[in-house]
Amino acid sequence: MEELYNQYRKLLFTLAYQLTGSAADAEDAVQDVFIKSFDVHPERLEKPKAYLCKMVTNHCLNQQKSARKRREVYVGPWLPEPIRTPETETLEATVARRDQLSYALLVLLERLTPTERAVFVLREGLGFDYSEIAELLGKQETNCRKLVSRARSKMGTSEEETFAAEAVELEWVSRFLTSLEQGNVDHVLSLLTEDVMLVADGGGKAIAFKHPVQTPDHVARVLLDGFQGKGSIYQGKLRFEVASLNGETGIVIRSGDETLAAILIQLRRGKLARMYAVRNPDKLARV
């Protein structure tokens, strides 16, 4: 069992994280599944990968029922927990691989039912064949294909767009931060799409907008005020650090020793289309 844990824990963590959007819940799922697997008869582990993935998926599907109820009373928008991905290979670093779902896509997964999300993640996130997915979930292969198609429709993404997330280069982020630092409104506006949106998750535990901020003018003003610390309740100068989050180029905001926010960006043709700012302190532990 120890050998199986070392071999499959990264895969199972990735699966659970993409199914729940929470690193803490993903770790709990993996631990719970391996604890239960100690009592499993060896004959049932002839196909350990399929068996363990099925166990983790079922665990997360059951967990999603209570998670959805909690999110109904969640204060403001709910965003997935961001993960710092260092250069060294760790359990969390597995989500940084290029064949994994982007953070923006994790946000869109919230539009799906738990079953749609499970089929989509297994297919598009982990590359399982439809026949394997059907066996894991106890469904017909044709039904699984329909669920993936329905999931794409709900998220508004085509098959070609699933992994076509535009890379956020360090040079772009540096240029963006310099414009904010200099208070260059015109240049900031030139870096935003017409349908730009800023989504902030404070969870009722940190100051954040309860509704997404839209239109270039509003987003630019919020960003400029935030960068310059206007109206901030925090003492001392804010520090904006470029960091690898979920395998993507993100921004971490700190004040002294306190981490205030983790920001992930989605670009479209070189312009900012979506900005996700996680401010809930419960979701910043891994940042």
Protein backbone atom coordinates (compact mmCIF):
# COMPACT_ATOMS: atom_id res chain seq x y z
CA MET A 1 0.00 0.00 0.00
CA GLU A 2 2.90 2.35 0.70
CA GLU A 3 4.20 1.68 -2.79
CA LEU A 4 0.76 2.47 -4.27
CA TYR A 5 0.59 5.67 -2.22
CA ASN A 6 3.92 6.91 -3.55
CA GLN A 7 2.97 5.96 -7.10
CA TYR A 8 -0.53 7.44 -7.28
CA ARG A 9 -0.81 10.17 -4.64
CA LYS A 10 0.04 12.97 -7.09
CA LEU A 11 -2.52 11.78 -9.62
CA LEU A 12 -5.18 11.37 -6.93
CA PHE A 13 -4.44 14.79 -5.42
CA THR A 14 -4.77 16.40 -8.85
CA LEU A 15 -8.05 14.59 -9.47
CA ALA A 16 -9.48 15.54 -6.06
CA TYR A 17 -8.29 19.15 -6.30
CA GLN A 18 -9.89 19.64 -9.71
CA LEU A 19 -13.11 18.03 -8.48
CA THR A 20 -13.36 20.19 -5.34
CA GLY A 21 -11.34 23.36 -5.98
CA SER A 22 -9.87 22.93 -2.49
CA ALA A 23 -6.38 21.66 -1.71
CA ALA A 24 -7.38 20.90 1.88
CA ASP A 25 -10.37 18.82 0.76
CA ALA A 26 -8.20 17.10 -1.85
CA GLU A 27 -5.64 16.07 0.75
CA ASP A 28 -8.41 14.77 3.01
CA ALA A 29 -9.87 12.77 0.12
CA VAL A 30 -6.54 11.13 -0.72
CA GLN A 31 -5.79 10.27 2.90
CA ASP A 32 -9.28 8.90 3.49
CA VAL A 33 -9.15 6.70 0.40
CA PHE A 34 -5.78 5.18 1.30
CA ILE A 35 -6.85 4.55 4.89
CA LYS A 36 -9.92 2.68 3.63
CA SER A 37 -7.85 0.82 1.04
CA PHE A 38 -5.78 -0.86 3.76
CA ASP A 39 -8.77 -3.12 4.44
CA VAL A 40 -9.40 -3.94 0.79
CA HIS A 41 -8.80 -7.50 -0.40
CA PRO A 42 -5.78 -7.68 -2.77
CA GLU A 43 -7.95 -9.13 -5.55
CA ARG A 44 -9.84 -5.83 -5.77
CA LEU A 45 -6.57 -4.00 -6.34
CA GLU A 46 -5.61 -5.79 -9.54
CA LYS A 47 -6.21 -2.45 -11.30
CA PRO A 48 -5.07 -0.05 -8.55
CA LYS A 49 -5.20 3.12 -10.65
CA ALA A 50 -8.81 2.60 -11.69
CA TYR A 51 -9.85 1.48 -8.22
CA LEU A 52 -8.20 4.42 -6.41
CA CYS A 53 -9.49 7.00 -8.92
CA LYS A 54 -12.99 5.59 -8.50
CA MET A 55 -12.69 5.81 -4.71
CA VAL A 56 -11.46 9.41 -4.83
CA THR A 57 -14.13 10.43 -7.34
CA ASN A 58 -16.90 8.92 -5.21
CA HIS A 59 -15.50 10.59 -2.11
CA CYS A 60 -15.50 13.98 -3.85
CA LEU A 61 -18.98 13.48 -5.31
CA ASN A 62 -20.34 12.84 -1.82
CA GLN A 63 -18.41 15.81 -0.47
CA GLN A 64 -19.78 18.12 -3.17
CA LYS A 65 -23.31 17.70 -1.83
CA SER A 66 -22.44 19.37 1.47
CA ALA A 67 -20.05 21.79 -0.24
CA ARG A 68 -22.84 23.13 -2.46
CA LYS A 69 -24.99 23.82 0.61
CA ARG A 70 -22.13 25.71 2.25
CA ARG A 71 -21.59 27.80 -0.87
CA GLU A 72 -25.26 28.81 -0.92
CA VAL A 73 -24.59 30.88 2.22
CA TYR A 74 -21.04 31.88 1.25
CA VAL A 75 -20.50 35.66 1.33
CA GLY A 76 -19.73 36.92 -2.19
CA PRO A 77 -18.24 34.93 -5.09
CA TRP A 78 -16.57 31.57 -4.37
CA LEU A 79 -13.21 30.94 -6.05
CA PRO A 80 -10.99 27.84 -6.00
CA GLU A 81 -8.16 27.78 -3.50
CA PRO A 82 -4.91 28.87 -5.22
CA ILE A 83 -1.76 26.83 -4.74
CA ARG A 84 1.81 28.07 -4.79
CA THR A 85 3.79 25.94 -7.25
CA PRO A 86 7.53 26.12 -6.49
CA GLU A 87 10.29 24.95 -8.75
CA THR A 88 10.83 21.74 -6.78
CA GLU A 89 8.46 18.85 -7.35
CA THR A 90 5.92 18.53 -4.54
CA LEU A 91 2.47 17.04 -4.19
CA GLU A 92 0.88 20.40 -5.00
CA ALA A 93 3.26 21.04 -7.91
CA THR A 94 1.52 18.37 -9.94
CA VAL A 95 -1.24 20.84 -10.82
CA ALA A 96 1.36 22.95 -12.61
CA ARG A 97 1.75 20.50 -15.48
CA ARG A 98 0.75 21.83 -18.84
CA ASP A 99 -1.85 19.10 -19.35
CA GLN A 100 -3.80 20.21 -16.28
CA LEU A 101 -6.80 22.50 -16.21
CA SER A 102 -6.11 26.23 -15.90
CA TYR A 103 -7.32 28.25 -12.91
CA ALA A 104 -9.83 30.07 -15.12
CA LEU A 105 -11.26 26.70 -16.17
CA LEU A 106 -11.47 25.61 -12.52
CA VAL A 107 -13.65 28.68 -11.93
CA LEU A 108 -15.93 27.68 -14.80
CA LEU A 109 -16.24 24.16 -13.41
CA GLU A 110 -18.41 25.62 -10.66
CA ARG A 111 -21.21 25.92 -13.23
CA LEU A 112 -21.42 22.14 -13.55
CA THR A 113 -23.23 19.49 -11.60
CA PRO A 114 -20.91 17.20 -9.59
CA THR A 115 -21.34 14.38 -12.14
CA GLU A 116 -20.67 16.66 -15.13
CA ARG A 117 -17.59 17.97 -13.37
CA ALA A 118 -16.32 14.48 -12.61
CA VAL A 119 -16.67 13.31 -16.22
CA PHE A 120 -15.11 16.52 -17.58
CA VAL A 121 -12.12 16.40 -15.20
CA LEU A 122 -11.46 12.72 -15.86
CA ARG A 123 -11.63 13.28 -19.61
CA GLU A 124 -10.14 16.73 -20.18
CA GLY A 125 -8.02 17.11 -17.06
CA LEU A 126 -6.54 13.63 -16.76
CA GLY A 127 -7.02 12.20 -20.25
CA PHE A 128 -9.04 9.10 -19.34
CA ASP A 129 -10.72 7.25 -22.22
CA TYR A 130 -14.50 7.38 -22.30
CA SER A 131 -14.62 3.63 -21.73
CA GLU A 132 -12.52 4.03 -18.56
CA ILE A 133 -14.72 6.88 -17.32
CA ALA A 134 -17.86 4.84 -17.95
CA GLU A 135 -16.44 1.98 -15.89
CA LEU A 136 -15.33 4.30 -13.07
CA LEU A 137 -18.70 6.03 -12.76
CA GLY A 138 -20.94 3.12 -13.67
CA LYS A 139 -22.38 4.88 -16.73
CA GLN A 140 -22.74 4.22 -20.42
CA GLU A 141 -19.93 5.49 -22.64
CA THR A 142 -22.38 7.44 -24.81
CA ASN A 143 -23.78 9.11 -21.70
CA CYS A 144 -20.29 10.18 -20.65
CA ARG A 145 -19.71 11.77 -24.06
CA LYS A 146 -22.98 13.69 -23.72
CA LEU A 147 -22.01 14.87 -20.23
CA VAL A 148 -18.69 16.27 -21.50
CA SER A 149 -20.48 18.02 -24.37
CA ARG A 150 -23.04 19.46 -21.95
CA ALA A 151 -20.26 20.60 -19.61
CA ARG A 152 -18.48 22.45 -22.42
CA SER A 153 -21.77 24.13 -23.36
CA LYS A 154 -22.36 25.32 -19.79
CA MET A 155 -18.81 26.67 -19.51
CA GLY A 156 -18.89 28.25 -22.96
CA THR A 157 -15.71 26.52 -24.14
CA SER A 158 -15.08 24.43 -27.23
CA GLU A 159 -12.86 21.35 -27.32
CA GLU A 160 -10.09 23.40 -28.96
CA GLU A 161 -10.31 26.08 -26.24
CA THR A 162 -10.10 23.71 -23.29
CA PHE A 163 -6.31 23.84 -23.06
CA ALA A 164 -5.75 26.96 -25.14
CA ALA A 165 -5.30 29.23 -22.13
CA GLU A 166 -3.10 32.13 -23.15
CA ALA A 167 0.18 32.14 -21.25
CA VAL A 168 0.72 35.06 -18.89
CA GLU A 169 4.35 36.05 -19.40
CA LEU A 170 6.45 37.69 -16.71
CA GLU A 171 7.09 40.64 -19.05
CA TRP A 172 3.34 41.30 -19.37
CA VAL A 173 2.83 41.23 -15.60
CA SER A 174 5.81 43.53 -15.03
CA ARG A 175 4.46 46.00 -17.58
CA PHE A 176 1.01 45.82 -16.00
CA LEU A 177 2.34 46.42 -12.47
CA THR A 178 4.52 49.30 -13.68
CA SER A 179 1.47 50.99 -15.20
CA LEU A 180 -0.40 50.64 -11.91
CA GLU A 181 2.58 51.91 -9.92
CA GLN A 182 2.87 54.98 -12.13
CA GLY A 183 -0.88 55.60 -12.03
CA ASN A 184 -0.98 55.51 -15.84
CA VAL A 185 -4.74 55.21 -16.38
CA ASP A 186 -4.58 55.24 -20.17
CA HIS A 187 -2.01 52.47 -20.31
CA VAL A 188 -3.93 50.36 -17.80
CA LEU A 189 -7.09 50.77 -19.89
CA SER A 190 -5.18 49.71 -23.00
CA LEU A 191 -4.38 46.39 -21.31
CA LEU A 192 -8.03 45.53 -20.55
CA THR A 193 -10.59 43.85 -22.81
CA GLU A 194 -13.98 45.49 -23.32
CA ASP A 195 -15.67 42.76 -21.28
CA VAL A 196 -13.03 42.64 -18.53
CA MET A 197 -14.18 41.33 -15.16
CA LEU A 198 -12.63 41.35 -11.69
CA VAL A 199 -13.89 38.68 -9.29
CA ALA A 200 -12.86 38.83 -5.62
CA ASP A 201 -13.35 36.15 -2.97
CA GLY A 202 -13.29 37.43 0.60
CA GLY A 203 -15.63 34.83 2.08
CA GLY A 204 -16.90 37.37 4.58
CA LYS A 205 -13.50 37.26 6.31
CA ALA A 206 -11.68 39.92 4.27
CA ILE A 207 -12.77 43.07 2.46
CA ALA A 208 -13.82 42.18 -1.08
CA PHE A 209 -16.47 43.09 -3.62
CA LYS A 210 -19.63 41.01 -3.19
CA HIS A 211 -20.26 41.18 -6.92
CA PRO A 212 -17.88 41.06 -9.90
CA VAL A 213 -16.49 44.42 -11.03
CA GLN A 214 -17.11 45.01 -14.74
CA THR A 215 -16.31 47.51 -17.53
CA PRO A 216 -12.75 48.78 -18.18
CA ASP A 217 -13.28 52.09 -16.37
CA HIS A 218 -14.48 50.48 -13.14
CA VAL A 219 -11.85 47.74 -13.15
CA ALA A 220 -9.04 50.21 -13.88
CA ARG A 221 -10.11 52.49 -11.05
CA VAL A 222 -10.35 49.61 -8.57
CA LEU A 223 -6.92 48.33 -9.56
CA LEU A 224 -5.25 51.73 -9.41
CA ASP A 225 -6.77 52.52 -6.02
CA GLY A 226 -5.85 49.09 -4.70
CA PHE A 227 -2.26 49.26 -5.93
CA GLN A 228 -1.73 52.64 -4.32
CA GLY A 229 -3.35 51.46 -1.07
CA LYS A 230 -6.09 54.10 -1.09
CA GLY A 231 -8.57 53.42 1.67
CA SER A 232 -6.52 50.46 2.87
CA ILE A 233 -6.93 49.46 6.51
CA TYR A 234 -3.42 47.96 6.50
CA GLN A 235 -0.43 49.82 7.82
CA GLY A 236 2.77 49.93 5.84
CA LYS A 237 3.47 49.67 2.15
CA LEU A 238 1.83 46.97 0.09
CA ARG A 239 4.20 44.57 -1.70
CA PHE A 240 3.23 43.04 -5.03
CA GLU A 241 5.19 39.86 -5.79
CA VAL A 242 5.10 37.84 -9.01
CA ALA A 243 4.69 34.16 -8.12
CA SER A 244 3.87 30.81 -9.69
CA LEU A 245 0.30 29.93 -8.70
CA ASN A 246 -1.35 26.78 -10.04
CA GLY A 247 1.46 26.57 -12.56
CA GLU A 248 0.61 30.01 -13.91
CA THR A 249 2.12 33.46 -13.44
CA GLY A 250 0.22 35.14 -10.63
CA ILE A 251 0.58 38.00 -8.16
CA VAL A 252 0.74 37.81 -4.36
CA ILE A 253 -0.01 40.94 -2.33
CA ARG A 254 1.52 41.29 1.12
CA SER A 255 1.68 43.88 3.89
CA GLY A 256 4.49 43.20 6.30
CA ASP A 257 4.35 39.49 7.10
CA GLU A 258 0.67 39.20 6.20
CA THR A 259 -0.52 37.76 2.89
CA LEU A 260 -3.51 39.81 1.74
CA ALA A 261 -4.39 38.31 -1.64
CA ALA A 262 -3.45 35.93 -4.41
CA ILE A 263 -4.31 37.06 -7.93
CA LEU A 264 -4.58 34.97 -11.07
CA ILE A 265 -5.05 36.42 -14.54
CA GLN A 266 -6.68 35.26 -17.74
CA LEU A 267 -5.53 36.96 -20.93
CA ARG A 268 -7.23 37.17 -24.30
CA ARG A 269 -5.11 38.36 -27.23
CA GLY A 270 -2.65 40.00 -24.88
CA LYS A 271 -5.24 41.86 -22.81
CA LEU A 272 -6.66 41.19 -19.35
CA ALA A 273 -10.05 39.48 -19.66
CA ARG A 274 -10.49 38.06 -16.15
CA MET A 275 -8.79 38.75 -12.85
CA TYR A 276 -9.44 36.46 -9.91
CA ALA A 277 -8.45 37.86 -6.50
CA VAL A 278 -8.58 35.45 -3.57
CA ARG A 279 -8.66 37.33 -0.26
CA ASN A 280 -10.28 34.79 2.05
CA PRO A 281 -7.43 34.04 4.53
CA ASP A 282 -8.58 30.42 4.78
CA LYS A 283 -7.61 29.97 1.13
CA LEU A 284 -4.18 31.61 1.35
CA ALA A 285 -2.39 29.03 3.49
CA ARG A 286 -0.61 27.50 0.48
CA VAL A 287 0.37 30.88 -0.96
